[in-house]
């Protein structure tokens, strides 16, 4: 069993190494995230342009696009529509219908 100054010095070095490792993980994660965000930025603009085109041409309204996208996201997550409807009913019961708000 180590005791005394050497033991404390080794613990300090180990703590410092762990902190440096965590810092490296944080920096590497952020660098990767920034790279990904930079890469998808043009697609965000395309998505925005697509939405604008559909609205300007009168093909869909903002509300229809919003509803379609929400439905797609729920579908992708295999959402339980009965549970969603139940929560909607609870919210509407508590706060009233949207027209009343």
PDB file of N, CA and C in Angstrom:
ATOM      1  N   UNK A   1       0.835  -1.174   0.000  1.00  0.00           N
ATOM      2  CA  UNK A   1       0.000   0.000   0.000  1.00  0.00           C
ATOM      3  C   UNK A   1       0.880   1.238   0.000  1.00  0.00           C
ATOM      4  N   UNK A   2       0.547   2.158  -0.894  1.00  0.00           N
ATOM      5  CA  UNK A   2       1.317   3.384  -0.972  1.00  0.00           C
ATOM      6  C   UNK A   2       0.789   4.379   0.051  1.00  0.00           C
ATOM      7  N   UNK A   3       1.719   5.071   0.639  1.00  0.00           N
ATOM      8  CA  UNK A   3       1.329   6.108   1.585  1.00  0.00           C
ATOM      9  C   UNK A   3       2.180   7.335   1.361  1.00  0.00           C
ATOM     10  N   UNK A   4       1.779   8.387   1.958  1.00  0.00           N
ATOM     11  CA  UNK A   4       2.603   9.577   1.962  1.00  0.00           C
ATOM     12  C   UNK A   4       2.536  10.364   0.680  1.00  0.00           C
ATOM     13  N   UNK A   5       3.599  11.107   0.454  1.00  0.00           N
ATOM     14  CA  UNK A   5       3.662  12.069  -0.634  1.00  0.00           C
ATOM     15  C   UNK A   5       3.545  11.416  -2.010  1.00  0.00           C
ATOM     16  N   UNK A   6       4.216  10.256  -2.212  1.00  0.00           N
ATOM     17  CA  UNK A   6       4.171   9.597  -3.519  1.00  0.00           C
ATOM     18  C   UNK A   6       2.746   9.208  -3.888  1.00  0.00           C
ATOM     19  N   UNK A   7       2.013   8.701  -2.926  1.00  0.00           N
ATOM     20  CA  UNK A   7       0.634   8.298  -3.167  1.00  0.00           C
ATOM     21  C   UNK A   7      -0.214   9.514  -3.559  1.00  0.00           C
ATOM     22  N   UNK A   8      -0.066  10.590  -2.840  1.00  0.00           N
ATOM     23  CA  UNK A   8      -0.825  11.811  -3.128  1.00  0.00           C
ATOM     24  C   UNK A   8      -0.435  12.361  -4.494  1.00  0.00           C
ATOM     25  N   UNK A   9       0.864  12.349  -4.811  1.00  0.00           N
ATOM     26  CA  UNK A   9       1.337  12.846  -6.098  1.00  0.00           C
ATOM     27  C   UNK A   9       0.757  12.014  -7.241  1.00  0.00           C
ATOM     28  N   UNK A  10       0.690  10.692  -7.069  1.00  0.00           N
ATOM     29  CA  UNK A  10       0.116   9.829  -8.102  1.00  0.00           C
ATOM     30  C   UNK A  10      -1.375  10.091  -8.275  1.00  0.00           C
ATOM     31  N   UNK A  11      -2.091  10.320  -7.166  1.00  0.00           N
ATOM     32  CA  UNK A  11      -3.519  10.633  -7.250  1.00  0.00           C
ATOM     33  C   UNK A  11      -3.746  11.960  -7.976  1.00  0.00           C
ATOM     34  N   UNK A  12      -2.909  12.935  -7.685  1.00  0.00           N
ATOM     35  CA  UNK A  12      -3.020  14.236  -8.349  1.00  0.00           C
ATOM     36  C   UNK A  12      -2.763  14.079  -9.846  1.00  0.00           C
ATOM     37  N   UNK A  13      -1.729  13.297 -10.204  1.00  0.00           N
ATOM     38  CA  UNK A  13      -1.414  13.077 -11.620  1.00  0.00           C
ATOM     39  C   UNK A  13      -2.567  12.356 -12.308  1.00  0.00           C
ATOM     40  N   UNK A  14      -3.132  11.340 -11.653  1.00  0.00           N
ATOM     41  CA  UNK A  14      -4.245  10.595 -12.227  1.00  0.00           C
ATOM     42  C   UNK A  14      -5.462  11.508 -12.420  1.00  0.00           C
ATOM     43  N   UNK A  15      -5.750  12.343 -11.435  1.00  0.00           N
ATOM     44  CA  UNK A  15      -6.864  13.284 -11.546  1.00  0.00           C
ATOM     45  C   UNK A  15      -6.626  14.248 -12.699  1.00  0.00           C
ATOM     46  N   UNK A  16      -5.400  14.753 -12.806  1.00  0.00           N
ATOM     47  CA  UNK A  16      -5.054  15.678 -13.877  1.00  0.00           C
ATOM     48  C   UNK A  16      -5.187  14.992 -15.231  1.00  0.00           C
ATOM     49  N   UNK A  17      -4.724  13.745 -15.341  1.00  0.00           N
ATOM     50  CA  UNK A  17      -4.839  12.989 -16.584  1.00  0.00           C
ATOM     51  C   UNK A  17      -6.305  12.790 -16.961  1.00  0.00           C
ATOM     52  N   UNK A  18      -7.148  12.463 -15.975  1.00  0.00           N
ATOM     53  CA  UNK A  18      -8.575  12.264 -16.232  1.00  0.00           C
ATOM     54  C   UNK A  18      -9.226  13.565 -16.705  1.00  0.00           C
ATOM     55  N   UNK A  19      -8.855  14.688 -16.078  1.00  0.00           N
ATOM     56  CA  UNK A  19      -9.407  15.982 -16.478  1.00  0.00           C
ATOM     57  C   UNK A  19      -8.977  16.342 -17.887  1.00  0.00           C
ATOM     58  N   UNK A  20      -7.695  16.075 -18.200  1.00  0.00           N
ATOM     59  CA  UNK A  20      -7.214  16.351 -19.552  1.00  0.00           C
ATOM     60  C   UNK A  20      -7.923  15.464 -20.565  1.00  0.00           C
ATOM     61  N   UNK A  21      -8.169  14.213 -20.204  1.00  0.00           N
ATOM     62  CA  UNK A  21      -8.881  13.302 -21.089  1.00  0.00           C
ATOM     63  C   UNK A  21     -10.298  13.808 -21.304  1.00  0.00           C
ATOM     64  N   UNK A  22     -10.985  14.219 -20.244  1.00  0.00           N
ATOM     65  CA  UNK A  22     -12.343  14.746 -20.366  1.00  0.00           C
ATOM     66  C   UNK A  22     -12.333  15.992 -21.244  1.00  0.00           C
ATOM     67  N   UNK A  23     -11.359  16.877 -21.034  1.00  0.00           N
ATOM     68  CA  UNK A  23     -11.255  18.079 -21.858  1.00  0.00           C
ATOM     69  C   UNK A  23     -11.074  17.707 -23.327  1.00  0.00           C
ATOM     70  N   UNK A  24     -10.237  16.701 -23.586  1.00  0.00           N
ATOM     71  CA  UNK A  24     -10.039  16.245 -24.966  1.00  0.00           C
ATOM     72  C   UNK A  24     -11.335  15.715 -25.565  1.00  0.00           C
ATOM     73  N   UNK A  25     -12.078  14.940 -24.778  1.00  0.00           N
ATOM     74  CA  UNK A  25     -13.361  14.426 -25.257  1.00  0.00           C
ATOM     75  C   UNK A  25     -14.317  15.573 -25.566  1.00  0.00           C
ATOM     76  N   UNK A  26     -14.368  16.556 -24.685  1.00  0.00           N
ATOM     77  CA  UNK A  26     -15.248  17.702 -24.901  1.00  0.00           C
ATOM     78  C   UNK A  26     -14.857  18.437 -26.179  1.00  0.00           C
ATOM     79  N   UNK A  27     -13.579  18.742 -26.321  1.00  0.00           N
ATOM     80  CA  UNK A  27     -13.094  19.467 -27.501  1.00  0.00           C
ATOM     81  C   UNK A  27     -13.352  18.664 -28.767  1.00  0.00           C
ATOM     82  N   UNK A  28     -13.054  17.376 -28.755  1.00  0.00           N
ATOM     83  CA  UNK A  28     -13.273  16.534 -29.934  1.00  0.00           C
ATOM     84  C   UNK A  28     -14.750  16.435 -30.280  1.00  0.00           C
ATOM     85  N   UNK A  29     -15.594  16.318 -29.262  1.00  0.00           N
ATOM     86  CA  UNK A  29     -17.040  16.261 -29.493  1.00  0.00           C
ATOM     87  C   UNK A  29     -17.504  17.554 -30.158  1.00  0.00           C
ATOM     88  N   UNK A  30     -17.102  18.695 -29.597  1.00  0.00           N
ATOM     89  CA  UNK A  30     -17.526  19.984 -30.138  1.00  0.00           C
ATOM     90  C   UNK A  30     -17.015  20.197 -31.560  1.00  0.00           C
ATOM     91  N   UNK A  31     -15.777  19.822 -31.821  1.00  0.00           N
ATOM     92  CA  UNK A  31     -15.235  19.945 -33.173  1.00  0.00           C
ATOM     93  C   UNK A  31     -16.057  19.104 -34.158  1.00  0.00           C
ATOM     94  N   UNK A  32     -16.382  17.884 -33.761  1.00  0.00           N
ATOM     95  CA  UNK A  32     -17.175  17.007 -34.628  1.00  0.00           C
ATOM     96  C   UNK A  32     -18.572  17.574 -34.841  1.00  0.00           C
ATOM     97  N   UNK A  33     -19.183  18.074 -33.778  1.00  0.00           N
ATOM     98  CA  UNK A  33     -20.522  18.639 -33.877  1.00  0.00           C
ATOM     99  C   UNK A  33     -20.530  19.853 -34.810  1.00  0.00           C
ATOM    100  N   UNK A  34     -19.534  20.723 -34.686  1.00  0.00           N
ATOM    101  CA  UNK A  34     -19.439  21.903 -35.541  1.00  0.00           C
ATOM    102  C   UNK A  34     -19.265  21.489 -37.003  1.00  0.00           C
ATOM    103  N   UNK A  35     -18.452  20.480 -37.251  1.00  0.00           N
ATOM    104  CA  UNK A  35     -18.244  19.983 -38.613  1.00  0.00           C
ATOM    105  C   UNK A  35     -19.554  19.478 -39.208  1.00  0.00           C
ATOM    106  N   UNK A  36     -20.300  18.727 -38.412  1.00  0.00           N
ATOM    107  CA  UNK A  36     -21.590  18.196 -38.878  1.00  0.00           C
ATOM    108  C   UNK A  36     -22.575  19.335 -39.132  1.00  0.00           C
ATOM    109  N   UNK A  37     -22.663  20.271 -38.194  1.00  0.00           N
ATOM    110  CA  UNK A  37     -23.579  21.404 -38.363  1.00  0.00           C
ATOM    111  C   UNK A  37     -23.229  22.220 -39.598  1.00  0.00           C
ATOM    112  N   UNK A  38     -21.943  22.425 -39.834  1.00  0.00           N
ATOM    113  CA  UNK A  38     -21.522  23.150 -41.035  1.00  0.00           C
ATOM    114  C   UNK A  38     -21.923  22.384 -42.304  1.00  0.00           C
ATOM    115  N   UNK A  39     -21.813  21.068 -42.239  1.00  0.00           N
ATOM    116  CA  UNK A  39     -22.137  20.249 -43.410  1.00  0.00           C
ATOM    117  C   UNK A  39     -23.634  20.247 -43.706  1.00  0.00           C
ATOM    118  N   UNK A  40     -24.477  20.328 -42.687  1.00  0.00           N
ATOM    119  CA  UNK A  40     -25.917  20.277 -42.930  1.00  0.00           C
ATOM    120  C   UNK A  40     -26.540  21.647 -43.173  1.00  0.00           C
ATOM    121  N   UNK A  41     -25.797  22.707 -42.959  1.00  0.00           N
ATOM    122  CA  UNK A  41     -26.332  24.061 -43.135  1.00  0.00           C
ATOM    123  C   UNK A  41     -26.947  24.283 -44.521  1.00  0.00           C
ATOM    124  N   UNK A  42     -26.290  23.883 -45.611  1.00  0.00           N
ATOM    125  CA  UNK A  42     -26.916  24.085 -46.927  1.00  0.00           C
ATOM    126  C   UNK A  42     -28.251  23.350 -47.056  1.00  0.00           C
ATOM    127  N   UNK A  43     -28.369  22.194 -46.411  1.00  0.00           N
ATOM    128  CA  UNK A  43     -29.618  21.445 -46.484  1.00  0.00           C
ATOM    129  C   UNK A  43     -30.725  22.146 -45.709  1.00  0.00           C
ATOM    130  N   UNK A  44     -30.370  22.837 -44.632  1.00  0.00           N
ATOM    131  CA  UNK A  44     -31.358  23.616 -43.894  1.00  0.00           C
ATOM    132  C   UNK A  44     -31.943  24.698 -44.793  1.00  0.00           C
ATOM    133  N   UNK A  45     -31.071  25.339 -45.572  1.00  0.00           N
ATOM    134  CA  UNK A  45     -31.533  26.373 -46.498  1.00  0.00           C
ATOM    135  C   UNK A  45     -32.426  25.766 -47.575  1.00  0.00           C
ATOM    136  N   UNK A  46     -32.053  24.577 -48.071  1.00  0.00           N
ATOM    137  CA  UNK A  46     -32.881  23.902 -49.076  1.00  0.00           C
ATOM    138  C   UNK A  46     -34.250  23.580 -48.505  1.00  0.00           C
ATOM    139  N   UNK A  47     -34.265  23.117 -47.272  1.00  0.00           N
ATOM    140  CA  UNK A  47     -35.530  22.777 -46.613  1.00  0.00           C
ATOM    141  C   UNK A  47     -36.401  24.027 -46.466  1.00  0.00           C
ATOM    142  N   UNK A  48     -35.784  25.115 -46.073  1.00  0.00           N
ATOM    143  CA  UNK A  48     -36.511  26.376 -45.925  1.00  0.00           C
ATOM    144  C   UNK A  48     -37.043  26.838 -47.285  1.00  0.00           C
ATOM    145  N   UNK A  49     -36.210  26.738 -48.320  1.00  0.00           N
ATOM    146  CA  UNK A  49     -36.630  27.123 -49.667  1.00  0.00           C
ATOM    147  C   UNK A  49     -37.783  26.253 -50.162  1.00  0.00           C
ATOM    148  N   UNK A  50     -37.721  24.972 -49.862  1.00  0.00           N
ATOM    149  CA  UNK A  50     -38.786  24.049 -50.253  1.00  0.00           C
ATOM    150  C   UNK A  50     -40.109  24.459 -49.615  1.00  0.00           C
ATOM    151  N   UNK A  51     -40.065  24.736 -48.319  1.00  0.00           N
ATOM    152  CA  UNK A  51     -41.265  25.155 -47.586  1.00  0.00           C
ATOM    153  C   UNK A  51     -41.819  26.452 -48.189  1.00  0.00           C
ATOM    154  N   UNK A  52     -40.929  27.406 -48.437  1.00  0.00           N
ATOM    155  CA  UNK A  52     -41.336  28.688 -49.020  1.00  0.00           C
ATOM    156  C   UNK A  52     -41.977  28.484 -50.387  1.00  0.00           C
ATOM    157  N   UNK A  53     -41.395  27.627 -51.208  1.00  0.00           N
ATOM    158  CA  UNK A  53     -41.934  27.360 -52.542  1.00  0.00           C
ATOM    159  C   UNK A  53     -43.356  26.810 -52.462  1.00  0.00           C
ATOM    160  N   UNK A  54     -43.585  25.864 -51.561  1.00  0.00           N
ATOM    161  CA  UNK A  54     -44.908  25.258 -51.437  1.00  0.00           C
ATOM    162  C   UNK A  54     -45.944  26.262 -50.940  1.00  0.00           C
ATOM    163  N   UNK A  55     -45.525  27.142 -50.056  1.00  0.00           N
ATOM    164  CA  UNK A  55     -46.444  28.161 -49.541  1.00  0.00           C
ATOM    165  C   UNK A  55     -46.724  29.207 -50.615  1.00  0.00           C
ATOM    166  N   UNK A  56     -45.676  29.715 -51.263  1.00  0.00           N
ATOM    167  CA  UNK A  56     -45.838  30.756 -52.281  1.00  0.00           C
ATOM    168  C   UNK A  56     -46.662  30.288 -53.476  1.00  0.00           C
ATOM    169  N   UNK A  57     -46.526  29.014 -53.836  1.00  0.00           N
ATOM    170  CA  UNK A  57     -47.295  28.475 -54.962  1.00  0.00           C
ATOM    171  C   UNK A  57     -48.708  28.065 -54.555  1.00  0.00           C
ATOM    172  N   UNK A  58     -49.010  28.172 -53.271  1.00  0.00           N
ATOM    173  CA  UNK A  58     -50.355  27.847 -52.810  1.00  0.00           C
ATOM    174  C   UNK A  58     -50.642  26.351 -52.764  1.00  0.00           C
ATOM    175  N   UNK A  59     -49.590  25.556 -52.831  1.00  0.00           N
ATOM    176  CA  UNK A  59     -49.785  24.110 -52.800  1.00  0.00           C
ATOM    177  C   UNK A  59     -50.163  23.638 -51.406  1.00  0.00           C
ATOM    178  N   UNK A  60     -49.549  24.239 -50.376  1.00  0.00           N
ATOM    179  CA  UNK A  60     -49.855  23.920 -48.981  1.00  0.00           C
ATOM    180  C   UNK A  60     -49.753  25.202 -48.164  1.00  0.00           C
ATOM    181  N   UNK A  61     -50.480  25.232 -47.054  1.00  0.00           N
ATOM    182  CA  UNK A  61     -50.359  26.357 -46.131  1.00  0.00           C
ATOM    183  C   UNK A  61     -49.286  26.035 -45.098  1.00  0.00           C
ATOM    184  N   UNK A  62     -48.879  27.031 -44.322  1.00  0.00           N
ATOM    185  CA  UNK A  62     -47.920  26.791 -43.242  1.00  0.00           C
ATOM    186  C   UNK A  62     -48.457  25.751 -42.280  1.00  0.00           C
ATOM    187  N   UNK A  63     -49.746  25.860 -41.967  1.00  0.00           N
ATOM    188  CA  UNK A  63     -50.361  24.923 -41.023  1.00  0.00           C
ATOM    189  C   UNK A  63     -50.374  23.492 -41.568  1.00  0.00           C
ATOM    190  N   UNK A  64     -50.639  23.353 -42.861  1.00  0.00           N
ATOM    191  CA  UNK A  64     -50.643  22.018 -43.471  1.00  0.00           C
ATOM    192  C   UNK A  64     -49.240  21.418 -43.465  1.00  0.00           C
ATOM    193  N   UNK A  65     -48.243  22.228 -43.767  1.00  0.00           N
ATOM    194  CA  UNK A  65     -46.860  21.748 -43.729  1.00  0.00           C
ATOM    195  C   UNK A  65     -46.501  21.352 -42.304  1.00  0.00           C
ATOM    196  N   UNK A  66     -46.828  22.208 -41.338  1.00  0.00           N
ATOM    197  CA  UNK A  66     -46.540  21.927 -39.934  1.00  0.00           C
ATOM    198  C   UNK A  66     -47.177  20.605 -39.519  1.00  0.00           C
ATOM    199  N   UNK A  67     -48.458  20.425 -39.869  1.00  0.00           N
ATOM    200  CA  UNK A  67     -49.167  19.196 -39.497  1.00  0.00           C
ATOM    201  C   UNK A  67     -48.549  17.970 -40.158  1.00  0.00           C
ATOM    202  N   UNK A  68     -48.195  18.104 -41.439  1.00  0.00           N
ATOM    203  CA  UNK A  68     -47.592  16.977 -42.155  1.00  0.00           C
ATOM    204  C   UNK A  68     -46.263  16.577 -41.532  1.00  0.00           C
ATOM    205  N   UNK A  69     -45.444  17.573 -41.202  1.00  0.00           N
ATOM    206  CA  UNK A  69     -44.131  17.287 -40.608  1.00  0.00           C
ATOM    207  C   UNK A  69     -44.303  16.661 -39.229  1.00  0.00           C
ATOM    208  N   UNK A  70     -45.219  17.192 -38.421  1.00  0.00           N
ATOM    209  CA  UNK A  70     -45.468  16.610 -37.090  1.00  0.00           C
ATOM    210  C   UNK A  70     -45.937  15.167 -37.222  1.00  0.00           C
ATOM    211  N   UNK A  71     -46.837  14.919 -38.165  1.00  0.00           N
ATOM    212  CA  UNK A  71     -47.338  13.557 -38.378  1.00  0.00           C
ATOM    213  C   UNK A  71     -46.200  12.626 -38.791  1.00  0.00           C
ATOM    214  N   UNK A  72     -45.324  13.113 -39.668  1.00  0.00           N
ATOM    215  CA  UNK A  72     -44.178  12.304 -40.092  1.00  0.00           C
ATOM    216  C   UNK A  72     -43.279  11.973 -38.912  1.00  0.00           C
ATOM    217  N   UNK A  73     -42.974  12.972 -38.085  1.00  0.00           N
ATOM    218  CA  UNK A  73     -42.107  12.745 -36.918  1.00  0.00           C
ATOM    219  C   UNK A  73     -42.737  11.732 -35.968  1.00  0.00           C
ATOM    220  N   UNK A  74     -44.026  11.842 -35.772  1.00  0.00           N
ATOM    221  CA  UNK A  74     -44.715  10.889 -34.892  1.00  0.00           C
ATOM    222  C   UNK A  74     -44.682   9.489 -35.500  1.00  0.00           C
ATOM    223  N   UNK A  75     -44.886   9.405 -36.801  1.00  0.00           N
ATOM    224  CA  UNK A  75     -44.820   8.128 -37.502  1.00  0.00           C
ATOM    225  C   UNK A  75     -43.432   7.507 -37.358  1.00  0.00           C
ATOM    226  N   UNK A  76     -42.398   8.329 -37.554  1.00  0.00           N
ATOM    227  CA  UNK A  76     -41.025   7.836 -37.457  1.00  0.00           C
ATOM    228  C   UNK A  76     -40.709   7.318 -36.059  1.00  0.00           C
ATOM    229  N   UNK A  77     -41.325   7.897 -35.046  1.00  0.00           N
ATOM    230  CA  UNK A  77     -41.091   7.474 -33.669  1.00  0.00           C
ATOM    231  C   UNK A  77     -42.077   6.409 -33.218  1.00  0.00           C
ATOM    232  N   UNK A  78     -42.916   5.942 -34.151  1.00  0.00           N
ATOM    233  CA  UNK A  78     -43.956   4.961 -33.831  1.00  0.00           C
ATOM    234  C   UNK A  78     -44.804   5.431 -32.661  1.00  0.00           C
ATOM    235  N   UNK A  79     -45.232   6.675 -32.728  1.00  0.00           N
ATOM    236  CA  UNK A  79     -46.032   7.259 -31.650  1.00  0.00           C
ATOM    237  C   UNK A  79     -47.372   6.547 -31.524  1.00  0.00           C
ATOM    238  N   UNK A  80     -47.830   6.440 -30.313  1.00  0.00           N
ATOM    239  CA  UNK A  80     -49.133   5.856 -30.021  1.00  0.00           C
ATOM    240  C   UNK A  80     -50.174   6.967 -30.152  1.00  0.00           C
ATOM    241  N   UNK A  81     -50.915   6.951 -31.257  1.00  0.00           N
ATOM    242  CA  UNK A  81     -51.874   8.023 -31.512  1.00  0.00           C
ATOM    243  C   UNK A  81     -52.985   8.072 -30.471  1.00  0.00           C
ATOM    244  N   UNK A  82     -53.350   6.921 -29.943  1.00  0.00           N
ATOM    245  CA  UNK A  82     -54.357   6.931 -28.879  1.00  0.00           C
ATOM    246  C   UNK A  82     -53.850   7.702 -27.668  1.00  0.00           C
ATOM    247  N   UNK A  83     -52.584   7.509 -27.324  1.00  0.00           N
ATOM    248  CA  UNK A  83     -51.998   8.229 -26.187  1.00  0.00           C
ATOM    249  C   UNK A  83     -51.910   9.720 -26.490  1.00  0.00           C
ATOM    250  N   UNK A  84     -51.557  10.065 -27.723  1.00  0.00           N
ATOM    251  CA  UNK A  84     -51.483  11.477 -28.105  1.00  0.00           C
ATOM    252  C   UNK A  84     -52.870  12.111 -28.019  1.00  0.00           C
ATOM    253  N   UNK A  85     -53.875  11.414 -28.551  1.00  0.00           N
ATOM    254  CA  UNK A  85     -55.247  11.939 -28.483  1.00  0.00           C
ATOM    255  C   UNK A  85     -55.718  12.088 -27.045  1.00  0.00           C
ATOM    256  N   UNK A  86     -55.354  11.143 -26.206  1.00  0.00           N
ATOM    257  CA  UNK A  86     -55.720  11.225 -24.793  1.00  0.00           C
ATOM    258  C   UNK A  86     -55.091  12.458 -24.145  1.00  0.00           C
ATOM    259  N   UNK A  87     -53.809  12.704 -24.428  1.00  0.00           N
ATOM    260  CA  UNK A  87     -53.146  13.883 -23.877  1.00  0.00           C
ATOM    261  C   UNK A  87     -53.763  15.166 -24.436  1.00  0.00           C
ATOM    262  N   UNK A  88     -54.105  15.149 -25.708  1.00  0.00           N
ATOM    263  CA  UNK A  88     -54.744  16.312 -26.326  1.00  0.00           C
ATOM    264  C   UNK A  88     -56.070  16.604 -25.632  1.00  0.00           C
ATOM    265  N   UNK A  89     -56.842  15.553 -25.386  1.00  0.00           N
ATOM    266  CA  UNK A  89     -58.127  15.724 -24.691  1.00  0.00           C
ATOM    267  C   UNK A  89     -57.939  16.287 -23.293  1.00  0.00           C
ATOM    268  N   UNK A  90     -56.928  15.817 -22.581  1.00  0.00           N
ATOM    269  CA  UNK A  90     -56.637  16.319 -21.234  1.00  0.00           C
ATOM    270  C   UNK A  90     -56.282  17.800 -21.285  1.00  0.00           C
ATOM    271  N   UNK A  91     -55.438  18.166 -22.236  1.00  0.00           N
ATOM    272  CA  UNK A  91     -55.026  19.568 -22.375  1.00  0.00           C
ATOM    273  C   UNK A  91     -56.228  20.437 -22.718  1.00  0.00           C
ATOM    274  N   UNK A  92     -57.022  19.970 -23.665  1.00  0.00           N
ATOM    275  CA  UNK A  92     -58.197  20.742 -24.077  1.00  0.00           C
ATOM    276  C   UNK A  92     -59.194  20.887 -22.930  1.00  0.00           C
ATOM    277  N   UNK A  93     -59.346  19.830 -22.131  1.00  0.00           N
ATOM    278  CA  UNK A  93     -60.252  19.877 -20.975  1.00  0.00           C
ATOM    279  C   UNK A  93     -59.747  20.883 -19.959  1.00  0.00           C
ATOM    280  N   UNK A  94     -58.439  20.910 -19.728  1.00  0.00           N
ATOM    281  CA  UNK A  94     -57.855  21.798 -18.735  1.00  0.00           C
ATOM    282  C   UNK A  94     -57.846  23.248 -19.196  1.00  0.00           C
ATOM    283  N   UNK A  95     -57.482  23.490 -20.457  1.00  0.00           N
ATOM    284  CA  UNK A  95     -57.287  24.854 -20.945  1.00  0.00           C
ATOM    285  C   UNK A  95     -58.397  25.341 -21.860  1.00  0.00           C
ATOM    286  N   UNK A  96     -59.321  24.476 -22.225  1.00  0.00           N
ATOM    287  CA  UNK A  96     -60.387  24.853 -23.168  1.00  0.00           C
ATOM    288  C   UNK A  96     -59.907  24.643 -24.591  1.00  0.00           C
ATOM    289  N   UNK A  97     -60.849  24.781 -25.520  1.00  0.00           N
ATOM    290  CA  UNK A  97     -60.464  24.597 -26.908  1.00  0.00           C
ATOM    291  C   UNK A  97     -59.623  25.776 -27.366  1.00  0.00           C
ATOM    292  N   UNK A  98     -58.925  25.584 -28.443  1.00  0.00           N
ATOM    293  CA  UNK A  98     -58.004  26.613 -28.937  1.00  0.00           C
ATOM    294  C   UNK A  98     -58.741  27.910 -29.237  1.00  0.00           C
ATOM    295  N   UNK A  99     -59.966  27.816 -29.704  1.00  0.00           N
ATOM    296  CA  UNK A  99     -60.740  29.015 -30.024  1.00  0.00           C
ATOM    297  C   UNK A  99     -61.027  29.832 -28.752  1.00  0.00           C
ATOM    298  N   UNK A 100     -61.093  29.181 -27.603  1.00  0.00           N
ATOM    299  CA  UNK A 100     -61.383  29.866 -26.342  1.00  0.00           C
ATOM    300  C   UNK A 100     -60.153  30.531 -25.754  1.00  0.00           C
ATOM    301  N   UNK A 101     -58.968  30.064 -26.120  1.00  0.00           N
ATOM    302  CA  UNK A 101     -57.721  30.562 -25.543  1.00  0.00           C
ATOM    303  C   UNK A 101     -57.371  31.925 -26.054  1.00  0.00           C
TER     304      UNK A 101
END
